[in-house]
């Protein structure tokens, strides 16, 4: 009699352990799916803002005449706009000056290596060959209006 009760307890315990493992796996899978969708949406919004829409930063820069300035107020994303004009640049910049939209990395070193790596993995970049050699880090917040001023002076593009 005691042996059968012990077998029943072991069976039920095994079923409970398997059920808990399956539930944990499902929660993990659904969490990754949700955050992956958010990341994909952010990448699409970044690409539109920086490159592909009619009012993209790249199109504004290309349409600027000498001495002209234009402003824009992006409200589509919670990432940051960075300029890379120094030694370290993301791979997609091909060694040229560029603008990138990606997540901000805190505690970066003077070479911006961690930020460059973040923009390589999770960012969108466009080459701006005549980008002024100044550090740009503009926080783009979805719920707040951030105005970006793009100007061209002495054949150099400045972003503020």
Protein backbone atom coordinates (compact mmCIF):
# COMPACT_ATOMS: atom_id res chain seq x y z
CA UNK A 1 0.00 0.00 0.00
CA UNK A 2 2.72 2.47 0.92
CA UNK A 3 4.59 1.74 -2.30
CA UNK A 4 1.59 2.69 -4.51
CA UNK A 5 1.09 6.02 -2.70
CA UNK A 6 4.75 6.83 -3.17
CA UNK A 7 4.52 6.10 -6.90
CA UNK A 8 1.48 8.35 -7.20
CA UNK A 9 3.30 11.19 -5.46
CA UNK A 10 6.31 10.84 -7.78
CA UNK A 11 4.08 10.83 -10.87
CA UNK A 12 2.21 13.97 -9.80
CA UNK A 13 5.45 15.73 -8.88
CA UNK A 14 6.93 14.92 -12.29
CA UNK A 15 3.81 16.27 -14.03
CA UNK A 16 3.99 19.48 -11.98
CA UNK A 17 7.68 19.99 -12.78
CA UNK A 18 7.04 19.47 -16.50
CA UNK A 19 4.05 21.85 -16.39
CA UNK A 20 6.17 24.54 -14.68
CA UNK A 21 8.97 24.12 -17.24
CA UNK A 22 6.48 24.45 -20.12
CA UNK A 23 4.91 27.57 -18.57
CA UNK A 24 8.33 29.19 -18.03
CA UNK A 25 9.29 28.39 -21.63
CA UNK A 26 6.04 29.92 -22.94
CA UNK A 27 6.51 33.09 -20.90
CA UNK A 28 10.10 33.39 -22.17
CA UNK A 29 9.00 32.80 -25.79
CA UNK A 30 6.15 35.32 -25.63
CA UNK A 31 8.36 37.93 -23.97
CA UNK A 32 10.99 37.57 -26.70
CA UNK A 33 8.32 37.74 -29.36
CA UNK A 34 6.85 40.94 -27.87
CA UNK A 35 10.19 42.73 -27.46
CA UNK A 36 11.31 41.56 -30.90
CA UNK A 37 8.19 43.17 -32.40
CA UNK A 38 8.92 46.42 -30.53
CA UNK A 39 12.50 46.41 -31.82
CA UNK A 40 11.37 45.78 -35.41
CA UNK A 41 8.89 48.65 -35.18
CA UNK A 42 11.62 50.93 -33.80
CA UNK A 43 13.98 49.94 -36.63
CA UNK A 44 11.31 50.69 -39.27
CA UNK A 45 10.53 54.07 -37.70
CA UNK A 46 14.24 54.88 -37.49
CA UNK A 47 14.79 54.01 -41.12
CA UNK A 48 11.86 56.18 -42.21
CA UNK A 49 13.02 59.11 -40.08
CA UNK A 50 16.64 58.90 -41.18
CA UNK A 51 16.53 57.63 -44.77
CA UNK A 52 13.40 56.51 -46.56
CA UNK A 53 10.54 58.99 -46.07
CA UNK A 54 10.04 62.21 -48.01
CA UNK A 55 10.70 64.21 -44.83
CA UNK A 56 13.71 62.13 -43.76
CA UNK A 57 16.85 63.71 -42.37
CA UNK A 58 18.83 62.49 -45.40
CA UNK A 59 16.39 64.11 -47.86
CA UNK A 60 16.43 67.36 -45.90
CA UNK A 61 20.25 67.41 -45.94
CA UNK A 62 20.35 66.72 -49.68
CA UNK A 63 17.84 69.51 -50.40
CA UNK A 64 19.65 72.20 -48.36
CA UNK A 65 21.23 75.10 -50.19
CA UNK A 66 24.27 76.94 -48.84
CA UNK A 67 23.32 79.08 -45.82
CA UNK A 68 19.89 77.45 -45.51
CA UNK A 69 18.42 75.84 -42.38
CA UNK A 70 15.44 73.55 -41.90
CA UNK A 71 13.94 72.14 -38.76
CA UNK A 72 11.97 68.98 -38.14
CA UNK A 73 10.14 67.49 -35.16
CA UNK A 74 10.27 63.70 -35.17
CA UNK A 75 7.79 61.98 -32.84
CA UNK A 76 8.00 58.36 -33.89
CA UNK A 77 10.67 56.71 -31.78
CA UNK A 78 12.33 56.51 -28.37
CA UNK A 79 15.94 56.24 -29.57
CA UNK A 80 18.77 58.75 -30.05
CA UNK A 81 20.32 60.49 -33.05
CA UNK A 82 24.14 60.33 -33.05
CA UNK A 83 26.82 61.74 -35.30
CA UNK A 84 30.01 59.80 -35.94
CA UNK A 85 32.80 62.01 -37.25
CA UNK A 86 35.77 60.74 -35.24
CA UNK A 87 37.95 57.68 -35.56
CA UNK A 88 35.40 55.07 -34.44
CA UNK A 89 32.35 54.63 -36.69
CA UNK A 90 29.69 51.94 -37.21
CA UNK A 91 30.35 49.41 -39.99
CA UNK A 92 27.51 50.76 -42.14
CA UNK A 93 29.26 54.14 -42.30
CA UNK A 94 32.13 52.60 -44.32
CA UNK A 95 34.68 54.83 -42.58
CA UNK A 96 32.88 58.07 -43.55
CA UNK A 97 31.07 60.62 -41.40
CA UNK A 98 27.52 59.54 -40.71
CA UNK A 99 24.34 59.95 -38.67
CA UNK A 100 22.79 57.02 -36.84
CA UNK A 101 19.62 56.42 -34.90
CA UNK A 102 20.05 53.79 -32.20
CA UNK A 103 19.67 53.13 -28.49
CA UNK A 104 21.92 55.14 -26.20
CA UNK A 105 24.67 53.38 -24.29
CA UNK A 106 25.51 54.95 -20.95
CA UNK A 107 29.06 55.24 -19.61
CA UNK A 108 30.76 55.35 -22.96
CA UNK A 109 34.50 55.83 -23.23
CA UNK A 110 36.18 58.62 -25.15
CA UNK A 111 36.31 56.51 -28.34
CA UNK A 112 32.52 55.77 -28.30
CA UNK A 113 33.31 52.08 -28.88
CA UNK A 114 30.28 50.84 -26.93
CA UNK A 115 27.97 53.26 -28.76
CA UNK A 116 29.44 52.21 -32.12
CA UNK A 117 28.79 48.55 -31.23
CA UNK A 118 25.19 49.34 -30.23
CA UNK A 119 24.57 51.17 -33.51
CA UNK A 120 26.12 48.24 -35.41
CA UNK A 121 23.74 45.77 -33.79
CA UNK A 122 20.55 47.80 -33.34
CA UNK A 123 20.63 50.95 -35.38
CA UNK A 124 20.15 52.65 -38.72
CA UNK A 125 22.88 54.84 -40.23
CA UNK A 126 23.30 57.06 -43.27
CA UNK A 127 26.51 58.56 -44.64
CA UNK A 128 26.73 62.37 -44.60
CA UNK A 129 30.09 63.13 -46.15
CA UNK A 130 30.09 66.85 -45.32
CA UNK A 131 28.86 66.44 -41.72
CA UNK A 132 30.42 69.00 -39.40
CA UNK A 133 32.90 67.55 -36.94
CA UNK A 134 30.82 68.01 -33.78
CA UNK A 135 29.26 65.55 -31.38
CA UNK A 136 25.51 65.15 -31.82
CA UNK A 137 23.44 63.19 -29.30
CA UNK A 138 19.77 64.11 -29.59
CA UNK A 139 17.21 62.16 -27.60
CA UNK A 140 14.13 61.42 -29.71
CA UNK A 141 11.18 60.85 -27.41
CA UNK A 142 7.90 59.56 -28.73
CA UNK A 143 5.75 61.61 -26.35
CA UNK A 144 7.70 64.89 -26.49
CA UNK A 145 8.41 67.24 -29.36
CA UNK A 146 12.14 67.39 -30.06
CA UNK A 147 13.11 69.90 -32.70
CA UNK A 148 16.13 69.12 -34.86
CA UNK A 149 17.75 72.01 -36.72
CA UNK A 150 19.68 71.04 -39.84
CA UNK A 151 21.76 73.74 -41.49
CA UNK A 152 24.39 74.03 -44.20
CA UNK A 153 27.15 76.61 -43.82
CA UNK A 154 30.49 76.68 -45.67
CA UNK A 155 29.52 73.40 -47.37
CA UNK A 156 29.28 71.65 -43.96
CA UNK A 157 26.08 70.17 -42.54
CA UNK A 158 25.36 70.94 -38.90
CA UNK A 159 22.78 69.15 -36.75
CA UNK A 160 21.51 70.69 -33.52
